[in-house]
Amino acid sequence: KAVVSTQSTGDPDITTFVCVCIPEFLSLYETERLIQKLTALDIDTHNVVVNQVVYPDKTDTGKVSCGLCASRSKMQTKYLDQIADLYEDFHVIKMPQMPLEVKGTKVLKRFGQFLVSPPDMNSKSVHDLVHDL
């Protein structure tokens, strides 16, 4: 059984590993270590989901309406840029930080659809997404 398991984990048509991280130093560091280890084991890892990305709300004049959100977004931008550089050949999906806990079947299914069709955060606010949930 162990031989079959090893063979199937090395076949990207059967098995792929989706890495999930957040745009912060330690998470990015651990994700890179994980990807290197999985690659050494011939396990497909060409997908990365970046959770809890802050997209600050803006006023009608385009200014960010929350200082903490602006600060978090600025900090995350550094790590999102590193993710883009490190994983340019990967399928990377950025999932927004939601203002509510994502739980319950209906909300989880809708939020899961964002993995397939990520929302355009240039034209939507996080509050629009909550309404869509």
N, C-alpha and C. Protein backbone atom coordinates (compact mmCIF):
# COMPACT_ATOMS: atom_id res chain seq x y z
N LYS A 1 0.82 -1.20 0.00
CA LYS A 1 0.00 0.00 0.00
C LYS A 1 0.86 1.26 0.00
N ALA A 2 1.98 1.22 0.68
CA ALA A 2 2.84 2.40 0.75
C ALA A 2 3.39 2.75 -0.63
N VAL A 3 3.71 1.76 -1.44
CA VAL A 3 4.23 2.01 -2.78
C VAL A 3 3.16 2.69 -3.62
N VAL A 4 1.92 2.24 -3.55
CA VAL A 4 0.83 2.83 -4.31
C VAL A 4 0.62 4.28 -3.86
N SER A 5 0.66 4.53 -2.56
CA SER A 5 0.48 5.89 -2.05
C SER A 5 1.58 6.81 -2.55
N THR A 6 2.81 6.37 -2.51
CA THR A 6 3.93 7.18 -2.98
C THR A 6 3.80 7.45 -4.47
N GLN A 7 3.38 6.45 -5.23
CA GLN A 7 3.23 6.64 -6.66
C GLN A 7 2.11 7.63 -6.97
N SER A 8 1.01 7.55 -6.25
CA SER A 8 -0.12 8.44 -6.55
C SER A 8 0.16 9.88 -6.11
N THR A 9 0.92 10.09 -5.03
CA THR A 9 1.22 11.47 -4.61
C THR A 9 2.17 12.16 -5.58
N GLY A 10 2.93 11.40 -6.34
CA GLY A 10 3.84 11.98 -7.33
C GLY A 10 3.19 12.21 -8.67
N ASP A 11 1.93 11.80 -8.84
CA ASP A 11 1.22 11.96 -10.10
C ASP A 11 0.30 13.18 -10.01
N PRO A 12 0.64 14.30 -10.68
CA PRO A 12 -0.17 15.52 -10.57
C PRO A 12 -1.59 15.38 -11.11
N ASP A 13 -1.84 14.34 -11.91
CA ASP A 13 -3.21 14.11 -12.38
C ASP A 13 -4.08 13.52 -11.28
N ILE A 14 -3.43 12.95 -10.26
CA ILE A 14 -4.16 12.34 -9.15
C ILE A 14 -4.09 13.19 -7.89
N THR A 15 -2.92 13.74 -7.63
CA THR A 15 -2.70 14.46 -6.37
C THR A 15 -2.00 15.79 -6.61
N THR A 16 -2.52 16.83 -5.98
CA THR A 16 -1.84 18.12 -5.96
C THR A 16 -2.03 18.71 -4.58
N PHE A 17 -1.08 19.49 -4.15
CA PHE A 17 -1.12 20.10 -2.83
C PHE A 17 -1.37 21.59 -3.00
N VAL A 18 -2.39 22.09 -2.35
CA VAL A 18 -2.71 23.51 -2.40
C VAL A 18 -2.20 24.15 -1.11
N CYS A 19 -1.22 25.01 -1.25
CA CYS A 19 -0.66 25.70 -0.08
C CYS A 19 -1.54 26.89 0.26
N VAL A 20 -1.77 27.10 1.54
CA VAL A 20 -2.56 28.23 2.02
C VAL A 20 -1.70 29.02 2.99
N CYS A 21 -1.63 30.32 2.77
CA CYS A 21 -0.82 31.18 3.63
C CYS A 21 -1.54 32.51 3.83
N ILE A 22 -0.93 33.36 4.64
CA ILE A 22 -1.38 34.73 4.78
C ILE A 22 -0.19 35.63 4.42
N PRO A 23 -0.45 36.86 4.01
CA PRO A 23 0.66 37.72 3.56
C PRO A 23 1.42 38.35 4.74
N GLU A 24 2.16 37.51 5.44
CA GLU A 24 3.01 37.93 6.54
C GLU A 24 4.30 37.13 6.48
N PHE A 25 5.35 37.65 7.14
CA PHE A 25 6.68 37.06 7.03
C PHE A 25 6.71 35.57 7.37
N LEU A 26 6.29 35.20 8.56
CA LEU A 26 6.44 33.81 9.01
C LEU A 26 5.66 32.85 8.13
N SER A 27 4.47 33.23 7.76
CA SER A 27 3.65 32.37 6.90
C SER A 27 4.31 32.16 5.54
N LEU A 28 4.84 33.24 4.97
CA LEU A 28 5.52 33.13 3.67
C LEU A 28 6.76 32.25 3.79
N TYR A 29 7.52 32.43 4.85
CA TYR A 29 8.72 31.63 5.09
C TYR A 29 8.36 30.14 5.21
N GLU A 30 7.34 29.83 5.99
CA GLU A 30 6.93 28.43 6.17
C GLU A 30 6.35 27.85 4.88
N THR A 31 5.65 28.65 4.12
CA THR A 31 5.09 28.18 2.85
C THR A 31 6.21 27.84 1.88
N GLU A 32 7.23 28.68 1.83
CA GLU A 32 8.37 28.41 0.94
C GLU A 32 9.08 27.12 1.34
N ARG A 33 9.28 26.93 2.63
CA ARG A 33 9.90 25.68 3.11
C ARG A 33 9.05 24.47 2.72
N LEU A 34 7.74 24.59 2.89
CA LEU A 34 6.83 23.49 2.54
C LEU A 34 6.90 23.18 1.05
N ILE A 35 6.87 24.20 0.22
CA ILE A 35 6.90 23.99 -1.23
C ILE A 35 8.21 23.32 -1.64
N GLN A 36 9.32 23.75 -1.06
CA GLN A 36 10.60 23.12 -1.39
C GLN A 36 10.61 21.66 -0.98
N LYS A 37 10.07 21.34 0.18
CA LYS A 37 10.03 19.95 0.66
C LYS A 37 9.12 19.10 -0.23
N LEU A 38 7.94 19.61 -0.55
CA LEU A 38 7.01 18.86 -1.40
C LEU A 38 7.58 18.67 -2.80
N THR A 39 8.25 19.68 -3.33
CA THR A 39 8.89 19.58 -4.64
C THR A 39 9.96 18.49 -4.62
N ALA A 40 10.74 18.43 -3.55
CA ALA A 40 11.77 17.39 -3.42
C ALA A 40 11.16 16.00 -3.38
N LEU A 41 9.91 15.92 -2.92
CA LEU A 41 9.21 14.63 -2.87
C LEU A 41 8.40 14.38 -4.14
N ASP A 42 8.58 15.23 -5.16
CA ASP A 42 7.84 15.13 -6.43
C ASP A 42 6.33 15.22 -6.26
N ILE A 43 5.90 16.06 -5.33
CA ILE A 43 4.46 16.30 -5.13
C ILE A 43 4.13 17.65 -5.76
N ASP A 44 3.12 17.66 -6.63
CA ASP A 44 2.71 18.86 -7.34
C ASP A 44 2.22 19.93 -6.35
N THR A 45 2.78 21.12 -6.47
CA THR A 45 2.40 22.24 -5.59
C THR A 45 2.36 23.52 -6.39
N HIS A 46 1.52 23.60 -7.38
CA HIS A 46 1.48 24.79 -8.22
C HIS A 46 0.29 25.70 -7.93
N ASN A 47 -0.25 25.56 -6.72
CA ASN A 47 -1.39 26.38 -6.31
C ASN A 47 -1.12 26.97 -4.93
N VAL A 48 -1.35 28.27 -4.80
CA VAL A 48 -1.20 28.94 -3.52
C VAL A 48 -2.43 29.82 -3.30
N VAL A 49 -3.05 29.65 -2.15
CA VAL A 49 -4.15 30.52 -1.74
C VAL A 49 -3.61 31.44 -0.65
N VAL A 50 -3.76 32.73 -0.87
CA VAL A 50 -3.34 33.72 0.12
C VAL A 50 -4.61 34.24 0.80
N ASN A 51 -4.79 33.88 2.06
CA ASN A 51 -5.97 34.26 2.83
C ASN A 51 -5.76 35.58 3.55
N GLN A 52 -6.86 36.18 3.93
CA GLN A 52 -6.88 37.36 4.81
C GLN A 52 -6.17 38.58 4.22
N VAL A 53 -6.29 38.76 2.91
CA VAL A 53 -5.72 39.94 2.27
C VAL A 53 -6.63 41.13 2.56
N VAL A 54 -6.05 42.20 3.10
CA VAL A 54 -6.82 43.39 3.47
C VAL A 54 -6.96 44.30 2.24
N TYR A 55 -8.21 44.58 1.89
CA TYR A 55 -8.54 45.54 0.84
C TYR A 55 -9.30 46.67 1.53
N PRO A 56 -8.61 47.77 1.88
CA PRO A 56 -9.27 48.82 2.67
C PRO A 56 -10.41 49.50 1.91
N ASP A 57 -11.46 49.83 2.66
CA ASP A 57 -12.55 50.62 2.10
C ASP A 57 -12.04 52.03 1.83
N LYS A 58 -12.58 52.62 0.78
CA LYS A 58 -12.17 53.98 0.41
C LYS A 58 -13.39 54.90 0.41
N THR A 59 -13.12 56.15 0.67
CA THR A 59 -14.19 57.15 0.62
C THR A 59 -14.48 57.48 -0.84
N ASP A 60 -15.48 58.33 -1.05
CA ASP A 60 -15.83 58.75 -2.41
C ASP A 60 -14.68 59.48 -3.10
N THR A 61 -13.80 60.07 -2.30
CA THR A 61 -12.66 60.81 -2.87
C THR A 61 -11.46 59.90 -3.10
N GLY A 62 -11.59 58.60 -2.72
CA GLY A 62 -10.51 57.64 -2.96
C GLY A 62 -9.56 57.46 -1.81
N LYS A 63 -9.80 58.14 -0.70
CA LYS A 63 -8.93 57.98 0.46
C LYS A 63 -9.36 56.77 1.28
N VAL A 64 -8.38 56.08 1.85
CA VAL A 64 -8.67 54.94 2.71
C VAL A 64 -9.32 55.46 3.99
N SER A 65 -10.43 54.85 4.36
CA SER A 65 -11.22 55.37 5.48
C SER A 65 -10.80 54.81 6.84
N CYS A 66 -9.81 53.94 6.88
CA CYS A 66 -9.40 53.32 8.14
C CYS A 66 -7.87 53.27 8.19
N GLY A 67 -7.29 53.94 9.19
CA GLY A 67 -5.84 53.99 9.31
C GLY A 67 -5.21 52.63 9.53
N LEU A 68 -5.83 51.81 10.39
CA LEU A 68 -5.31 50.46 10.65
C LEU A 68 -5.34 49.62 9.37
N CYS A 69 -6.43 49.72 8.63
CA CYS A 69 -6.55 48.97 7.37
C CYS A 69 -5.49 49.40 6.37
N ALA A 70 -5.24 50.70 6.29
CA ALA A 70 -4.21 51.22 5.38
C ALA A 70 -2.84 50.69 5.77
N SER A 71 -2.56 50.68 7.07
CA SER A 71 -1.28 50.18 7.56
C SER A 71 -1.11 48.69 7.28
N ARG A 72 -2.14 47.90 7.56
CA ARG A 72 -2.08 46.45 7.30
C ARG A 72 -1.93 46.18 5.81
N SER A 73 -2.66 46.91 5.00
CA SER A 73 -2.58 46.73 3.55
C SER A 73 -1.18 47.05 3.03
N LYS A 74 -0.59 48.13 3.54
CA LYS A 74 0.76 48.50 3.13
C LYS A 74 1.76 47.41 3.51
N MET A 75 1.65 46.88 4.73
CA MET A 75 2.54 45.81 5.19
C MET A 75 2.36 44.56 4.32
N GLN A 76 1.11 44.22 4.04
CA GLN A 76 0.84 43.03 3.24
C GLN A 76 1.34 43.17 1.81
N THR A 77 1.33 44.37 1.28
CA THR A 77 1.78 44.59 -0.10
C THR A 77 3.20 44.08 -0.30
N LYS A 78 4.06 44.30 0.67
CA LYS A 78 5.44 43.82 0.61
C LYS A 78 5.47 42.30 0.43
N TYR A 79 4.67 41.59 1.20
CA TYR A 79 4.67 40.13 1.13
C TYR A 79 3.91 39.62 -0.09
N LEU A 80 2.88 40.33 -0.51
CA LEU A 80 2.18 39.95 -1.74
C LEU A 80 3.10 40.09 -2.95
N ASP A 81 3.94 41.12 -2.94
CA ASP A 81 4.93 41.28 -4.01
C ASP A 81 5.94 40.12 -4.00
N GLN A 82 6.38 39.72 -2.81
CA GLN A 82 7.30 38.59 -2.70
C GLN A 82 6.65 37.30 -3.19
N ILE A 83 5.37 37.12 -2.85
CA ILE A 83 4.64 35.93 -3.31
C ILE A 83 4.56 35.93 -4.83
N ALA A 84 4.27 37.09 -5.41
CA ALA A 84 4.20 37.20 -6.87
C ALA A 84 5.54 36.85 -7.51
N ASP A 85 6.64 37.29 -6.91
CA ASP A 85 7.97 36.99 -7.44
C ASP A 85 8.33 35.52 -7.28
N LEU A 86 8.11 34.98 -6.08
CA LEU A 86 8.47 33.59 -5.79
C LEU A 86 7.64 32.59 -6.59
N TYR A 87 6.37 32.91 -6.78
CA TYR A 87 5.44 31.94 -7.36
C TYR A 87 4.82 32.44 -8.66
N GLU A 88 5.68 33.07 -9.51
CA GLU A 88 5.17 33.61 -10.77
C GLU A 88 4.63 32.53 -11.69
N ASP A 89 5.11 31.29 -11.55
CA ASP A 89 4.62 30.19 -12.39
C ASP A 89 3.50 29.40 -11.71
N PHE A 90 3.03 29.87 -10.56
CA PHE A 90 1.99 29.18 -9.80
C PHE A 90 0.63 29.85 -10.04
N HIS A 91 -0.40 29.12 -9.71
CA HIS A 91 -1.74 29.68 -9.71
C HIS A 91 -1.96 30.24 -8.30
N VAL A 92 -1.91 31.57 -8.17
CA VAL A 92 -2.04 32.23 -6.87
C VAL A 92 -3.40 32.93 -6.80
N ILE A 93 -4.15 32.64 -5.75
CA ILE A 93 -5.45 33.27 -5.54
C ILE A 93 -5.38 34.07 -4.24
N LYS A 94 -5.78 35.34 -4.31
CA LYS A 94 -5.82 36.19 -3.12
C LYS A 94 -7.26 36.26 -2.61
N MET A 95 -7.45 35.81 -1.39
CA MET A 95 -8.77 35.82 -0.76
C MET A 95 -8.85 36.97 0.23
N PRO A 96 -9.91 37.77 0.15
CA PRO A 96 -9.99 38.95 1.02
C PRO A 96 -10.28 38.61 2.48
N GLN A 97 -9.77 39.47 3.36
CA GLN A 97 -10.12 39.41 4.78
C GLN A 97 -11.57 39.85 4.88
N MET A 98 -12.40 39.03 5.47
CA MET A 98 -13.82 39.33 5.57
C MET A 98 -14.13 39.97 6.93
N PRO A 99 -15.13 40.84 6.98
CA PRO A 99 -15.49 41.47 8.25
C PRO A 99 -16.36 40.59 9.14
N LEU A 100 -16.56 39.36 8.72
CA LEU A 100 -17.32 38.40 9.51
C LEU A 100 -16.66 37.04 9.43
N GLU A 101 -17.00 36.18 10.36
CA GLU A 101 -16.45 34.83 10.34
C GLU A 101 -17.13 34.03 9.24
N VAL A 102 -16.34 33.37 8.42
CA VAL A 102 -16.89 32.59 7.31
C VAL A 102 -17.22 31.20 7.86
N LYS A 103 -18.51 30.99 8.14
CA LYS A 103 -18.95 29.71 8.67
C LYS A 103 -20.39 29.48 8.24
N GLY A 104 -20.80 28.22 8.29
CA GLY A 104 -22.12 27.85 7.82
C GLY A 104 -22.06 27.42 6.37
N THR A 105 -22.87 26.46 6.03
CA THR A 105 -22.83 25.86 4.69
C THR A 105 -23.01 26.87 3.57
N LYS A 106 -24.03 27.71 3.68
CA LYS A 106 -24.32 28.67 2.60
C LYS A 106 -23.15 29.65 2.40
N VAL A 107 -22.64 30.20 3.48
CA VAL A 107 -21.56 31.17 3.39
C VAL A 107 -20.27 30.50 2.91
N LEU A 108 -19.98 29.31 3.41
CA LEU A 108 -18.77 28.59 2.99
C LEU A 108 -18.82 28.26 1.49
N LYS A 109 -19.98 27.84 1.00
CA LYS A 109 -20.10 27.53 -0.43
C LYS A 109 -19.87 28.77 -1.28
N ARG A 110 -20.45 29.89 -0.86
CA ARG A 110 -20.28 31.14 -1.63
C ARG A 110 -18.84 31.62 -1.56
N PHE A 111 -18.26 31.58 -0.37
CA PHE A 111 -16.87 32.01 -0.22
C PHE A 111 -15.97 31.08 -1.04
N GLY A 112 -16.28 29.78 -1.06
CA GLY A 112 -15.52 28.82 -1.84
C GLY A 112 -15.56 29.12 -3.33
N GLN A 113 -16.64 29.72 -3.79
CA GLN A 113 -16.73 30.10 -5.21
C GLN A 113 -15.69 31.16 -5.57
N PHE A 114 -15.27 31.95 -4.57
CA PHE A 114 -14.24 32.95 -4.81
C PHE A 114 -12.91 32.28 -5.19
N LEU A 115 -12.73 31.02 -4.79
CA LEU A 115 -11.51 30.30 -5.17
C LEU A 115 -11.48 30.02 -6.67
N VAL A 116 -12.66 29.79 -7.24
CA VAL A 116 -12.77 29.50 -8.66
C VAL A 116 -12.83 30.79 -9.47
N SER A 117 -13.60 31.74 -8.97
CA SER A 117 -13.74 33.04 -9.63
C SER A 117 -13.47 34.14 -8.60
N PRO A 118 -12.19 34.49 -8.41
CA PRO A 118 -11.87 35.51 -7.41
C PRO A 118 -12.56 36.84 -7.72
N PRO A 119 -13.06 37.51 -6.68
CA PRO A 119 -13.74 38.79 -6.91
C PRO A 119 -12.75 39.87 -7.35
N ASP A 120 -13.24 40.80 -8.15
CA ASP A 120 -12.42 41.93 -8.59
C ASP A 120 -12.47 42.98 -7.49
N MET A 121 -11.43 43.02 -6.67
CA MET A 121 -11.43 43.92 -5.52
C MET A 121 -11.15 45.37 -5.91
N ASN A 122 -10.90 45.63 -7.20
CA ASN A 122 -10.75 47.01 -7.65
C ASN A 122 -12.12 47.66 -7.85
N SER A 123 -13.14 46.82 -8.07
CA SER A 123 -14.47 47.36 -8.31
C SER A 123 -15.46 47.01 -7.20
N LYS A 124 -15.01 46.25 -6.19
CA LYS A 124 -15.91 45.86 -5.09
C LYS A 124 -15.24 46.15 -3.76
N SER A 125 -16.06 46.36 -2.76
CA SER A 125 -15.53 46.46 -1.41
C SER A 125 -15.81 45.14 -0.70
N VAL A 126 -15.15 44.94 0.40
CA VAL A 126 -15.38 43.72 1.19
C VAL A 126 -16.83 43.68 1.64
N HIS A 127 -17.41 44.83 1.90
CA HIS A 127 -18.81 44.88 2.34
C HIS A 127 -19.75 44.44 1.21
N ASP A 128 -19.38 44.71 -0.05
CA ASP A 128 -20.16 44.20 -1.18
C ASP A 128 -20.13 42.68 -1.18
N LEU A 129 -18.96 42.11 -0.87
CA LEU A 129 -18.83 40.66 -0.85
C LEU A 129 -19.70 40.04 0.24
N VAL A 130 -19.75 40.69 1.40
CA VAL A 130 -20.59 40.20 2.50
C VAL A 130 -22.03 40.16 2.05
N HIS A 131 -22.43 41.20 1.33
CA HIS A 131 -23.81 41.23 0.80
C HIS A 131 -24.03 40.07 -0.18
N ASP A 132 -22.99 39.75 -0.98
CA ASP A 132 -23.09 38.66 -1.95
C ASP A 132 -23.15 37.29 -1.26
N LEU A 133 -22.62 37.20 -0.03
CA LEU A 133 -22.64 35.93 0.69
C LEU A 133 -24.05 35.65 1.12
